């Protein structure tokens, strides 16, 4: 069984990469579809929540046991990911 501290950095990195992929797919959908349905506005909010959770998990895994390089990589990737997700979430809430 995997140690919880050792694998939390990898889980944070996986969550950060997955939420970044969701954001990339969302952006490519917006460029292809000029007027998406209203339900699509929930995607950036889910992207933002996943980005924040990935960043929080990465920050916690930096102080714990395990691979620090993976944990710091997850922290470094989660910051711009959360910023982009916040911008797109605000735009979705405003209706643009």
C-alpha atoms as a PDB file:
ATOM      1  CA  UNK A   1       0.000   0.000   0.000  1.00  0.00           C
ATOM      2  CA  UNK A   2       1.211   3.487  -0.806  1.00  0.00           C
ATOM      3  CA  UNK A   3       2.194   5.848   1.953  1.00  0.00           C
ATOM      4  CA  UNK A   4      -0.322   8.711   2.177  1.00  0.00           C
ATOM      5  CA  UNK A   5       2.336  11.409   2.407  1.00  0.00           C
ATOM      6  CA  UNK A   6       4.457   9.993  -0.384  1.00  0.00           C
ATOM      7  CA  UNK A   7       1.619   9.772  -2.858  1.00  0.00           C
ATOM      8  CA  UNK A   8      -0.129  13.037  -2.005  1.00  0.00           C
ATOM      9  CA  UNK A   9       2.352  15.033  -4.103  1.00  0.00           C
ATOM     10  CA  UNK A  10       1.665  12.790  -7.065  1.00  0.00           C
ATOM     11  CA  UNK A  11      -2.075  13.069  -6.479  1.00  0.00           C
ATOM     12  CA  UNK A  12      -1.788  16.858  -6.306  1.00  0.00           C
ATOM     13  CA  UNK A  13       0.179  16.903  -9.552  1.00  0.00           C
ATOM     14  CA  UNK A  14      -2.362  14.621 -11.218  1.00  0.00           C
ATOM     15  CA  UNK A  15      -5.262  16.776 -10.030  1.00  0.00           C
ATOM     16  CA  UNK A  16      -3.518  19.954 -11.198  1.00  0.00           C
ATOM     17  CA  UNK A  17      -2.765  18.497 -14.630  1.00  0.00           C
ATOM     18  CA  UNK A  18      -6.292  17.121 -14.985  1.00  0.00           C
ATOM     19  CA  UNK A  19      -7.872  20.454 -14.093  1.00  0.00           C
ATOM     20  CA  UNK A  20      -5.515  22.201 -16.513  1.00  0.00           C
ATOM     21  CA  UNK A  21      -6.634  19.824 -19.257  1.00  0.00           C
ATOM     22  CA  UNK A  22     -10.253  20.609 -18.442  1.00  0.00           C
ATOM     23  CA  UNK A  23      -9.430  24.291 -18.767  1.00  0.00           C
ATOM     24  CA  UNK A  24      -7.695  23.753 -22.084  1.00  0.00           C
ATOM     25  CA  UNK A  25     -10.611  21.754 -23.431  1.00  0.00           C
ATOM     26  CA  UNK A  26     -13.009  24.429 -22.213  1.00  0.00           C
ATOM     27  CA  UNK A  27     -11.027  27.152 -23.973  1.00  0.00           C
ATOM     28  CA  UNK A  28     -10.873  25.178 -27.212  1.00  0.00           C
ATOM     29  CA  UNK A  29     -14.632  24.616 -26.995  1.00  0.00           C
ATOM     30  CA  UNK A  30     -15.222  28.341 -26.550  1.00  0.00           C
ATOM     31  CA  UNK A  31     -13.130  29.166 -29.606  1.00  0.00           C
ATOM     32  CA  UNK A  32     -15.098  26.663 -31.702  1.00  0.00           C
ATOM     33  CA  UNK A  33     -18.567  27.493 -30.356  1.00  0.00           C
ATOM     34  CA  UNK A  34     -19.309  31.239 -30.236  1.00  0.00           C
ATOM     35  CA  UNK A  35     -22.540  30.929 -28.209  1.00  0.00           C
ATOM     36  CA  UNK A  36     -22.335  27.880 -25.917  1.00  0.00           C
ATOM     37  CA  UNK A  37     -25.313  26.724 -23.859  1.00  0.00           C
ATOM     38  CA  UNK A  38     -25.687  28.103 -20.347  1.00  0.00           C
ATOM     39  CA  UNK A  39     -24.827  24.777 -18.696  1.00  0.00           C
ATOM     40  CA  UNK A  40     -21.284  25.115 -20.062  1.00  0.00           C
ATOM     41  CA  UNK A  41     -20.750  28.031 -17.673  1.00  0.00           C
ATOM     42  CA  UNK A  42     -20.398  25.505 -14.846  1.00  0.00           C
ATOM     43  CA  UNK A  43     -17.207  24.058 -16.338  1.00  0.00           C
ATOM     44  CA  UNK A  44     -14.864  26.912 -15.301  1.00  0.00           C
ATOM     45  CA  UNK A  45     -16.265  26.797 -11.776  1.00  0.00           C
ATOM     46  CA  UNK A  46     -15.465  23.075 -11.561  1.00  0.00           C
ATOM     47  CA  UNK A  47     -12.068  23.855 -13.085  1.00  0.00           C
ATOM     48  CA  UNK A  48     -11.441  26.492 -10.404  1.00  0.00           C
ATOM     49  CA  UNK A  49     -12.482  24.193  -7.564  1.00  0.00           C
ATOM     50  CA  UNK A  50     -10.213  21.413  -8.856  1.00  0.00           C
ATOM     51  CA  UNK A  51      -7.326  23.869  -9.283  1.00  0.00           C
ATOM     52  CA  UNK A  52      -7.687  25.165  -5.723  1.00  0.00           C
ATOM     53  CA  UNK A  53      -7.958  21.646  -4.317  1.00  0.00           C
ATOM     54  CA  UNK A  54      -4.874  20.594  -6.264  1.00  0.00           C
ATOM     55  CA  UNK A  55      -2.971  23.601  -4.977  1.00  0.00           C
ATOM     56  CA  UNK A  56      -4.029  22.968  -1.390  1.00  0.00           C
ATOM     57  CA  UNK A  57      -3.067  19.308  -1.622  1.00  0.00           C
ATOM     58  CA  UNK A  58       0.261  20.255  -3.199  1.00  0.00           C
ATOM     59  CA  UNK A  59       0.977  22.784  -0.471  1.00  0.00           C
ATOM     60  CA  UNK A  60       0.245  20.219   2.214  1.00  0.00           C
ATOM     61  CA  UNK A  61       2.437  17.621   0.517  1.00  0.00           C
ATOM     62  CA  UNK A  62       5.441  19.982   0.450  1.00  0.00           C
ATOM     63  CA  UNK A  63       5.696  19.782   4.233  1.00  0.00           C
ATOM     64  CA  UNK A  64       5.058  16.063   4.454  1.00  0.00           C
ATOM     65  CA  UNK A  65       7.202  13.059   3.685  1.00  0.00           C
ATOM     66  CA  UNK A  66       7.731  12.018   0.106  1.00  0.00           C
ATOM     67  CA  UNK A  67       9.118  13.394  -3.104  1.00  0.00           C
ATOM     68  CA  UNK A  68       9.548  17.148  -2.681  1.00  0.00           C
ATOM     69  CA  UNK A  69      10.281  17.727  -6.380  1.00  0.00           C
ATOM     70  CA  UNK A  70       6.863  16.451  -7.419  1.00  0.00           C
ATOM     71  CA  UNK A  71       5.195  18.436  -4.652  1.00  0.00           C
ATOM     72  CA  UNK A  72       6.941  21.681  -5.650  1.00  0.00           C
ATOM     73  CA  UNK A  73       6.133  21.018  -9.314  1.00  0.00           C
ATOM     74  CA  UNK A  74       2.478  20.641  -8.386  1.00  0.00           C
ATOM     75  CA  UNK A  75       2.610  23.916  -6.422  1.00  0.00           C
ATOM     76  CA  UNK A  76       4.285  25.714  -9.331  1.00  0.00           C
ATOM     77  CA  UNK A  77       1.699  24.459 -11.814  1.00  0.00           C
ATOM     78  CA  UNK A  78      -1.290  25.026  -9.573  1.00  0.00           C
ATOM     79  CA  UNK A  79      -0.720  28.764  -9.180  1.00  0.00           C
ATOM     80  CA  UNK A  80      -1.146  29.773 -12.860  1.00  0.00           C
ATOM     81  CA  UNK A  81      -3.801  27.093 -13.283  1.00  0.00           C
ATOM     82  CA  UNK A  82      -5.879  28.605 -10.465  1.00  0.00           C
ATOM     83  CA  UNK A  83      -5.367  32.131 -11.813  1.00  0.00           C
ATOM     84  CA  UNK A  84      -6.580  31.184 -15.290  1.00  0.00           C
ATOM     85  CA  UNK A  85      -9.490  29.265 -13.778  1.00  0.00           C
ATOM     86  CA  UNK A  86     -10.443  32.289 -11.660  1.00  0.00           C
ATOM     87  CA  UNK A  87     -10.464  34.571 -14.706  1.00  0.00           C
ATOM     88  CA  UNK A  88     -12.608  32.189 -16.724  1.00  0.00           C
ATOM     89  CA  UNK A  89     -14.934  31.603 -13.753  1.00  0.00           C
ATOM     90  CA  UNK A  90     -15.492  35.315 -13.302  1.00  0.00           C
ATOM     91  CA  UNK A  91     -16.168  35.703 -17.015  1.00  0.00           C
ATOM     92  CA  UNK A  92     -18.652  32.824 -16.894  1.00  0.00           C
ATOM     93  CA  UNK A  93     -20.434  34.342 -13.912  1.00  0.00           C
ATOM     94  CA  UNK A  94     -20.633  37.731 -15.631  1.00  0.00           C
ATOM     95  CA  UNK A  95     -21.980  36.139 -18.792  1.00  0.00           C
ATOM     96  CA  UNK A  96     -19.114  36.912 -21.186  1.00  0.00           C
END
